[in-house]
Amino acid sequence: MPEEDPTLQFELNEEAIGLMLKSVSFYLERWPGGPDPGEQEGLIKLKSLFAAALLEYNFNRSGGELT
């Protein structure tokens, strides 16, 4: 049975989620390239993850109502 990479779980508030999204977006826009294209793919996934988390936070804060 292969070993899985260790994982961590975080609890973030709206401000922290927003800051993480801004940080990842900033670095992705200025990504200098490199020998591992998987780094850019990972940044794209992180950006999507934080954007989705921010949308979910705002949806839940609104009581789940679409406006």
Protein backbone atom coordinates (compact mmCIF):
# COMPACT_ATOMS: atom_id res chain seq x y z
CA MET A 1 0.00 0.00 0.00
CA PRO A 2 1.59 3.33 -1.08
CA GLU A 3 2.10 6.01 1.51
CA GLU A 4 -0.02 9.12 1.12
CA ASP A 5 1.46 12.57 1.42
CA PRO A 6 0.76 14.07 4.82
CA THR A 7 -1.99 16.68 4.84
CA LEU A 8 -2.94 19.55 7.11
CA GLN A 9 -6.32 21.05 7.80
CA PHE A 10 -6.82 24.78 8.35
CA GLU A 11 -9.67 26.93 9.53
CA LEU A 12 -9.65 30.33 7.84
CA ASN A 13 -11.91 33.34 8.19
CA GLU A 14 -13.08 35.46 5.26
CA GLU A 15 -10.13 37.85 5.52
CA ALA A 16 -7.55 35.04 5.49
CA ILE A 17 -9.24 33.34 2.52
CA GLY A 18 -9.21 36.64 0.62
CA LEU A 19 -5.55 37.24 1.42
CA MET A 20 -4.59 33.75 0.32
CA LEU A 21 -6.51 34.20 -2.94
CA LYS A 22 -4.80 37.55 -3.59
CA SER A 23 -1.39 36.09 -2.79
CA VAL A 24 -1.76 33.05 -5.03
CA SER A 25 -3.20 35.19 -7.84
CA PHE A 26 -0.34 37.69 -7.54
CA TYR A 27 2.32 34.97 -7.71
CA LEU A 28 0.55 33.12 -10.53
CA GLU A 29 0.40 36.31 -12.63
CA ARG A 30 4.14 36.79 -12.10
CA TRP A 31 5.11 33.11 -12.17
CA PRO A 32 8.67 33.10 -13.52
CA GLY A 33 8.46 29.61 -14.96
CA GLY A 34 10.82 26.90 -14.02
CA PRO A 35 11.76 23.29 -14.55
CA ASP A 36 8.52 21.97 -13.02
CA PRO A 37 5.32 23.00 -14.86
CA GLY A 38 3.42 21.20 -12.10
CA GLU A 39 4.09 24.25 -9.91
CA GLN A 40 1.98 26.45 -12.18
CA GLU A 41 -0.74 23.79 -12.30
CA GLY A 42 -0.71 23.64 -8.50
CA LEU A 43 -1.07 27.42 -8.27
CA ILE A 44 -4.06 27.32 -10.63
CA LYS A 45 -5.70 24.66 -8.46
CA LEU A 46 -5.02 26.68 -5.29
CA LYS A 47 -6.48 29.81 -6.88
CA SER A 48 -9.65 27.90 -7.78
CA LEU A 49 -9.83 26.39 -4.30
CA PHE A 50 -9.58 29.75 -2.53
CA ALA A 51 -12.01 31.41 -4.96
CA ALA A 52 -14.54 28.62 -4.33
CA ALA A 53 -14.00 28.90 -0.57
CA LEU A 54 -14.67 32.64 -0.68
CA LEU A 55 -17.84 32.11 -2.72
CA GLU A 56 -19.02 29.43 -0.30
CA TYR A 57 -18.29 31.67 2.68
CA ASN A 58 -20.32 34.51 1.15
CA PHE A 59 -23.15 32.15 0.17
CA ASN A 60 -23.37 30.76 3.70
CA ARG A 61 -23.18 34.24 5.22
CA SER A 62 -26.15 35.31 3.10
CA GLY A 63 -28.18 32.43 4.51
CA GLY A 64 -27.85 30.40 1.35
CA GLU A 65 -30.11 32.73 -0.61
CA LEU A 66 -29.25 33.68 -4.15
CA THR A 67 -29.73 37.37 -4.82
